[in-house]
Protein backbone atom coordinates (compact mmCIF):
# COMPACT_ATOMS: atom_id res chain seq x y z
CA LEU A 1 38.33 52.31 41.65
CA GLN A 2 37.46 55.81 41.19
CA SER A 3 36.39 56.98 37.61
CA SER A 4 39.22 59.58 38.08
CA GLU A 5 41.86 56.62 39.43
CA LYS A 6 40.39 54.46 36.38
CA ALA A 7 41.48 57.34 34.05
CA HIS A 8 44.75 57.87 35.61
CA LEU A 9 45.69 54.44 35.55
CA PHE A 10 44.88 54.21 31.71
CA LEU A 11 46.72 57.17 31.01
CA ASP A 12 49.95 56.00 33.09
CA VAL A 13 50.03 52.38 31.29
CA MET A 14 49.33 53.80 27.47
CA SER A 15 52.76 55.91 28.41
CA CYS A 16 54.37 53.12 29.54
CA PRO A 17 57.45 51.55 27.60
CA PHE A 18 57.15 48.15 29.94
CA VAL A 19 54.04 47.65 28.89
CA SER A 20 53.77 45.58 25.06
CA ILE A 21 52.26 47.44 21.86
CA ASP A 22 49.96 44.59 21.07
CA THR A 23 49.03 45.26 25.24
CA ARG A 24 48.06 49.22 24.94
CA ARG A 25 46.63 48.30 21.33
CA PHE A 26 44.09 46.29 23.04
CA LEU A 27 43.71 48.74 25.53
CA TYR A 28 43.10 51.63 23.55
CA ARG A 29 40.75 49.83 20.88
CA LYS A 30 38.72 48.48 24.21
CA TYR A 31 38.84 52.29 25.29
CA LEU A 32 37.65 53.50 21.81
CA LYS A 33 35.08 50.82 21.70
CA ASN A 34 33.50 51.51 25.11
CA PHE A 35 34.19 55.57 25.61
CA GLU A 36 34.33 56.99 22.11
CA PRO A 37 31.61 54.87 20.03
CA ASN A 38 31.47 57.15 17.81
CA LEU A 39 34.94 58.33 16.83
CA ASN A 40 35.57 55.92 13.77
CA ARG A 41 39.34 55.70 13.79
CA SER A 42 41.55 54.58 11.17
CA HIS A 43 44.62 51.79 11.83
CA LEU A 44 47.11 54.60 11.02
CA GLU A 45 45.29 56.86 13.52
CA ILE A 46 45.22 54.62 16.31
CA GLU A 47 48.92 53.68 15.76
CA ASN A 48 49.60 57.94 15.64
CA ASP A 49 47.75 58.22 19.10
CA LEU A 50 49.56 54.96 20.82
CA GLN A 51 52.67 56.97 19.31
CA SER A 52 51.63 60.25 20.92
CA LEU A 53 50.88 58.51 24.30
CA LEU A 54 54.34 56.68 24.77
CA GLN A 55 55.45 60.22 24.38
CA THR A 56 53.80 61.99 26.61
CA TYR A 57 53.83 61.63 30.61
CA TRP A 58 51.16 61.60 32.61
CA PHE A 59 51.59 60.98 36.19
CA VAL A 60 55.07 58.60 35.95
CA LYS A 61 57.60 59.47 34.46
CA TRP A 62 58.90 56.33 33.43
CA ASP A 63 62.43 56.94 32.63
CA GLU A 64 63.43 58.53 36.23
CA LEU A 65 61.52 55.79 37.84
CA ASP A 66 64.02 53.68 40.25
CA ILE A 67 61.00 50.75 41.27
CA VAL A 68 64.10 48.67 43.08
CA LYS A 69 64.86 52.13 44.87
CA MET A 70 60.99 52.97 45.26
CA ILE A 71 60.10 49.92 46.85
CA GLU A 72 63.39 49.36 49.01
CA LYS A 73 61.88 52.71 50.66
CA LYS A 74 58.75 51.91 50.60
CA GLU A 75 57.42 54.47 48.71
CA LEU A 76 54.90 52.54 46.40
CA LYS A 77 51.44 53.19 47.68
CA GLU A 78 48.17 51.60 46.03
CA SER A 79 47.54 55.00 44.40
CA TYR A 80 45.00 53.62 41.56
């Protein structure tokens, strides 16, 4: 994956209501450790960040997505 594809995927996963909070928290902490090592976020700040990410649409509008319909119409493509 290219850098922009990774960023798009990360943001979509972080905003996806179908991904558990534990998974999103794990991924976000991993992101902070690898890409923002000097940014020391408290537990509360991380939880607030996760909540903000969940309320923001990036590339997929999860509440308007009909995956079954998209599969039937073969609209899903490898984009990441």
